[in-house]
Amino acid sequence: MLAAAVTNAGIKDALDAVLSVEEVKVYKPHPAVYQLAVDRLDLKATAVCFVSSNSWDAYSAKAFGFHVIWCNRSGQAPERIPEAPDAEIRTLSDLPEIIGVA
């Protein structure tokens, strides 16, 4: 399913990897899901920037040790989660500047 989505969106060449929870047989927010990215990309958690539109997902990734950016497309009020994301954007087109690749 993911391979087809990536191909149909025309973004295959822009991605280093496509990861699926199917590989670890659990779903977010289980830490094994975030560990999959660390292991497959051979990075420390602190070297990963996790972007999500779901605050609970963002919080779990932050608790794991990722840098987190919340993509708040609709301008909703922050949810009550124990820790705020590192940054907030309204659109993915804001991402390059915020991570320093603009």
C-alpha atoms as a PDB file:
ATOM      1  CA  MET A   1       0.000   0.000   0.000  1.00  0.00           C
ATOM      2  CA  LEU A   2       2.753   2.487   0.935  1.00  0.00           C
ATOM      3  CA  ALA A   3       4.825   1.700  -2.148  1.00  0.00           C
ATOM      4  CA  ALA A   4       1.812   2.355  -4.372  1.00  0.00           C
ATOM      5  CA  ALA A   5       1.014   5.619  -2.569  1.00  0.00           C
ATOM      6  CA  VAL A   6       4.593   6.856  -2.901  1.00  0.00           C
ATOM      7  CA  THR A   7       4.758   5.911  -6.585  1.00  0.00           C
ATOM      8  CA  ASN A   8       1.368   7.421  -7.403  1.00  0.00           C
ATOM      9  CA  ALA A   9       2.277  10.656  -5.596  1.00  0.00           C
ATOM     10  CA  GLY A  10       5.456  10.884  -7.657  1.00  0.00           C
ATOM     11  CA  ILE A  11       7.684  11.308  -4.598  1.00  0.00           C
ATOM     12  CA  LYS A  12       9.679   8.080  -4.677  1.00  0.00           C
ATOM     13  CA  ASP A  13      12.921   9.788  -5.705  1.00  0.00           C
ATOM     14  CA  ALA A  14      12.570  12.331  -2.881  1.00  0.00           C
ATOM     15  CA  LEU A  15      12.538   9.688  -0.126  1.00  0.00           C
ATOM     16  CA  ASP A  16      15.427   7.805   1.431  1.00  0.00           C
ATOM     17  CA  ALA A  17      13.155   5.097   2.829  1.00  0.00           C
ATOM     18  CA  VAL A  18       9.530   4.147   3.310  1.00  0.00           C
ATOM     19  CA  LEU A  19       8.909   2.564   6.690  1.00  0.00           C
ATOM     20  CA  SER A  20       5.840   0.651   7.807  1.00  0.00           C
ATOM     21  CA  VAL A  21       4.610  -0.495  11.214  1.00  0.00           C
ATOM     22  CA  GLU A  22       3.946  -3.812   9.507  1.00  0.00           C
ATOM     23  CA  GLU A  23       7.631  -4.529   9.994  1.00  0.00           C
ATOM     24  CA  VAL A  24       7.406  -4.333  13.811  1.00  0.00           C
ATOM     25  CA  LYS A  25       3.819  -5.618  14.145  1.00  0.00           C
ATOM     26  CA  VAL A  26       2.687  -2.816  16.484  1.00  0.00           C
ATOM     27  CA  TYR A  27       1.208   0.642  15.960  1.00  0.00           C
ATOM     28  CA  LYS A  28       2.128   4.127  17.072  1.00  0.00           C
ATOM     29  CA  PRO A  29       2.584   5.251  19.768  1.00  0.00           C
ATOM     30  CA  HIS A  30       4.477   2.064  20.670  1.00  0.00           C
ATOM     31  CA  PRO A  31       8.216   2.900  20.982  1.00  0.00           C
ATOM     32  CA  ALA A  32       9.144   0.060  18.600  1.00  0.00           C
ATOM     33  CA  VAL A  33       7.668   2.082  15.750  1.00  0.00           C
ATOM     34  CA  TYR A  34       9.990   5.015  16.415  1.00  0.00           C
ATOM     35  CA  GLN A  35      12.905   2.654  17.019  1.00  0.00           C
ATOM     36  CA  LEU A  36      12.332   1.276  13.517  1.00  0.00           C
ATOM     37  CA  ALA A  37      13.296   4.665  12.052  1.00  0.00           C
ATOM     38  CA  VAL A  38      16.408   4.863  14.228  1.00  0.00           C
ATOM     39  CA  ASP A  39      17.494   1.368  13.233  1.00  0.00           C
ATOM     40  CA  ARG A  40      16.700   1.546   9.510  1.00  0.00           C
ATOM     41  CA  LEU A  41      18.189   5.009   9.022  1.00  0.00           C
ATOM     42  CA  ASP A  42      21.149   4.312  11.327  1.00  0.00           C
ATOM     43  CA  LEU A  43      20.600   7.554  13.234  1.00  0.00           C
ATOM     44  CA  LYS A  44      20.288   8.600  16.836  1.00  0.00           C
ATOM     45  CA  ALA A  45      16.771   9.600  17.863  1.00  0.00           C
ATOM     46  CA  THR A  46      17.949  13.187  18.321  1.00  0.00           C
ATOM     47  CA  ALA A  47      18.921  13.309  14.626  1.00  0.00           C
ATOM     48  CA  VAL A  48      15.369  12.572  13.464  1.00  0.00           C
ATOM     49  CA  CYS A  49      12.797  15.266  12.720  1.00  0.00           C
ATOM     50  CA  PHE A  50       9.319  13.812  13.010  1.00  0.00           C
ATOM     51  CA  VAL A  51       6.474  15.719  11.348  1.00  0.00           C
ATOM     52  CA  SER A  52       2.875  14.928  12.223  1.00  0.00           C
ATOM     53  CA  SER A  53      -0.566  16.504  12.110  1.00  0.00           C
ATOM     54  CA  ASN A  54      -1.620  14.478  15.170  1.00  0.00           C
ATOM     55  CA  SER A  55      -0.625  15.910  18.532  1.00  0.00           C
ATOM     56  CA  TRP A  56      -0.684  12.546  20.325  1.00  0.00           C
ATOM     57  CA  ASP A  57       1.601  11.124  17.664  1.00  0.00           C
ATOM     58  CA  ALA A  58       3.895  14.133  17.917  1.00  0.00           C
ATOM     59  CA  TYR A  59       4.041  13.827  21.696  1.00  0.00           C
ATOM     60  CA  SER A  60       4.922  10.119  21.545  1.00  0.00           C
ATOM     61  CA  ALA A  61       7.697  10.797  19.026  1.00  0.00           C
ATOM     62  CA  LYS A  62       9.038  13.591  21.235  1.00  0.00           C
ATOM     63  CA  ALA A  63       8.942  11.330  24.289  1.00  0.00           C
ATOM     64  CA  PHE A  64      11.004   8.833  22.264  1.00  0.00           C
ATOM     65  CA  GLY A  65      13.625  11.513  21.616  1.00  0.00           C
ATOM     66  CA  PHE A  66      12.801  12.821  18.137  1.00  0.00           C
ATOM     67  CA  HIS A  67      12.643  16.509  17.276  1.00  0.00           C
ATOM     68  CA  VAL A  68       9.002  17.140  16.499  1.00  0.00           C
ATOM     69  CA  ILE A  69       7.190  19.529  14.209  1.00  0.00           C
ATOM     70  CA  TRP A  70       3.421  19.706  14.391  1.00  0.00           C
ATOM     71  CA  CYS A  71       1.789  20.413  11.031  1.00  0.00           C
ATOM     72  CA  ASN A  72      -1.304  22.290  12.173  1.00  0.00           C
ATOM     73  CA  ARG A  73      -3.009  22.740   8.803  1.00  0.00           C
ATOM     74  CA  SER A  74      -6.336  23.938  10.133  1.00  0.00           C
ATOM     75  CA  GLY A  75      -5.025  26.260  12.850  1.00  0.00           C
ATOM     76  CA  GLN A  76      -6.574  24.259  15.651  1.00  0.00           C
ATOM     77  CA  ALA A  77      -5.881  25.029  19.291  1.00  0.00           C
ATOM     78  CA  PRO A  78      -3.094  22.936  20.830  1.00  0.00           C
ATOM     79  CA  GLU A  79      -4.297  19.779  22.509  1.00  0.00           C
ATOM     80  CA  ARG A  80      -3.522  19.126  26.142  1.00  0.00           C
ATOM     81  CA  ILE A  81      -0.466  16.916  25.910  1.00  0.00           C
ATOM     82  CA  PRO A  82       2.376  16.791  28.431  1.00  0.00           C
ATOM     83  CA  GLU A  83       4.980  18.408  26.176  1.00  0.00           C
ATOM     84  CA  ALA A  84       4.790  20.814  23.253  1.00  0.00           C
ATOM     85  CA  PRO A  85       6.339  20.056  19.855  1.00  0.00           C
ATOM     86  CA  ASP A  86       9.609  21.774  18.971  1.00  0.00           C
ATOM     87  CA  ALA A  87       7.902  23.814  16.258  1.00  0.00           C
ATOM     88  CA  GLU A  88       4.586  24.265  14.492  1.00  0.00           C
ATOM     89  CA  ILE A  89       3.925  24.817  10.797  1.00  0.00           C
ATOM     90  CA  ARG A  90       0.726  25.342   8.815  1.00  0.00           C
ATOM     91  CA  THR A  91       1.858  23.643   5.602  1.00  0.00           C
ATOM     92  CA  LEU A  92       4.613  21.265   4.567  1.00  0.00           C
ATOM     93  CA  SER A  93       5.994  23.984   2.318  1.00  0.00           C
ATOM     94  CA  ASP A  94       7.141  25.678   5.572  1.00  0.00           C
ATOM     95  CA  LEU A  95       9.263  22.655   6.495  1.00  0.00           C
ATOM     96  CA  PRO A  96      12.496  23.329   4.535  1.00  0.00           C
ATOM     97  CA  GLU A  97      13.013  26.719   6.162  1.00  0.00           C
ATOM     98  CA  ILE A  98      12.329  25.445   9.661  1.00  0.00           C
ATOM     99  CA  ILE A  99      14.786  22.554   9.369  1.00  0.00           C
ATOM    100  CA  GLY A 100      17.391  24.671   7.620  1.00  0.00           C
ATOM    101  CA  VAL A 101      17.400  23.331   4.081  1.00  0.00           C
ATOM    102  CA  ALA A 102      15.701  26.262   2.348  1.00  0.00           C
END
